[in-house]
């Protein structure tokens, strides 16, 4: 179970790094909607990281049954 938790945190870390890297490149202005984009982006990152870790769990579960 700790394998999937580490996969989750690894994907969160990599996604957040890429999110901020690309946001600094593409959002150079002082737009007030920038905070909303960061908030929504962070929520999406966490949800997608959870899905990635669940996919790894399902793949391992299917491998054990076969």
Protein backbone atom coordinates (compact mmCIF):
# COMPACT_ATOMS: atom_id res chain seq x y z
CA UNK A 1 0.00 0.00 0.00
CA UNK A 2 2.88 2.38 0.64
CA UNK A 3 3.92 1.90 -2.99
CA UNK A 4 0.72 3.56 -4.17
CA UNK A 5 1.01 6.38 -1.66
CA UNK A 6 4.52 7.11 -2.88
CA UNK A 7 3.30 7.01 -6.49
CA UNK A 8 0.57 9.50 -5.56
CA UNK A 9 2.97 11.95 -3.92
CA UNK A 10 5.52 11.57 -6.72
CA UNK A 11 2.92 12.41 -9.36
CA UNK A 12 1.67 15.35 -7.27
CA UNK A 13 5.20 16.71 -6.91
CA UNK A 14 6.08 16.34 -10.59
CA UNK A 15 2.73 17.78 -11.69
CA UNK A 16 3.02 20.81 -9.41
CA UNK A 17 6.54 21.51 -10.64
CA UNK A 18 5.40 21.30 -14.27
CA UNK A 19 2.29 23.37 -13.53
CA UNK A 20 4.26 26.24 -12.04
CA UNK A 21 6.97 25.98 -14.70
CA UNK A 22 4.48 26.26 -17.55
CA UNK A 23 2.36 28.86 -15.78
CA UNK A 24 5.36 31.18 -15.39
CA UNK A 25 6.16 30.75 -19.08
CA UNK A 26 2.63 31.30 -20.40
CA UNK A 27 1.26 33.79 -17.82
CA UNK A 28 3.64 36.72 -17.76
CA UNK A 29 0.99 39.37 -17.02
CA UNK A 30 -0.57 40.47 -13.73
CA UNK A 31 -4.04 39.13 -14.50
CA UNK A 32 -6.38 38.91 -11.47
CA UNK A 33 -7.74 35.61 -12.78
CA UNK A 34 -4.28 34.13 -12.24
CA UNK A 35 -5.11 33.09 -8.67
CA UNK A 36 -8.23 31.29 -9.85
CA UNK A 37 -6.21 29.46 -12.48
CA UNK A 38 -3.68 28.38 -9.85
CA UNK A 39 -6.43 27.15 -7.54
CA UNK A 40 -8.27 25.20 -10.22
CA UNK A 41 -4.98 23.86 -11.58
CA UNK A 42 -3.91 22.63 -8.14
CA UNK A 43 -7.25 20.86 -7.65
CA UNK A 44 -6.95 19.20 -11.06
CA UNK A 45 -3.39 18.13 -10.29
CA UNK A 46 -4.41 16.46 -7.03
CA UNK A 47 -7.37 14.68 -8.60
CA UNK A 48 -5.38 13.43 -11.59
CA UNK A 49 -2.57 12.24 -9.33
CA UNK A 50 -5.11 10.26 -7.34
CA UNK A 51 -6.35 8.70 -10.58
CA UNK A 52 -2.82 7.76 -11.63
CA UNK A 53 -2.18 6.00 -8.34
CA UNK A 54 -5.52 4.19 -8.63
CA UNK A 55 -4.62 3.02 -12.13
CA UNK A 56 -1.37 1.56 -10.80
CA UNK A 57 -3.35 -0.21 -8.09
CA UNK A 58 -5.80 -1.64 -10.64
CA UNK A 59 -3.01 -2.79 -12.94
CA UNK A 60 -1.30 -4.62 -10.07
CA UNK A 61 -4.62 -6.10 -8.99
CA UNK A 62 -5.30 -7.43 -12.48
CA UNK A 63 -1.74 -8.84 -12.74
CA UNK A 64 -2.21 -10.75 -9.48
CA UNK A 65 -5.45 -12.31 -10.69
CA UNK A 66 -3.92 -13.46 -13.98
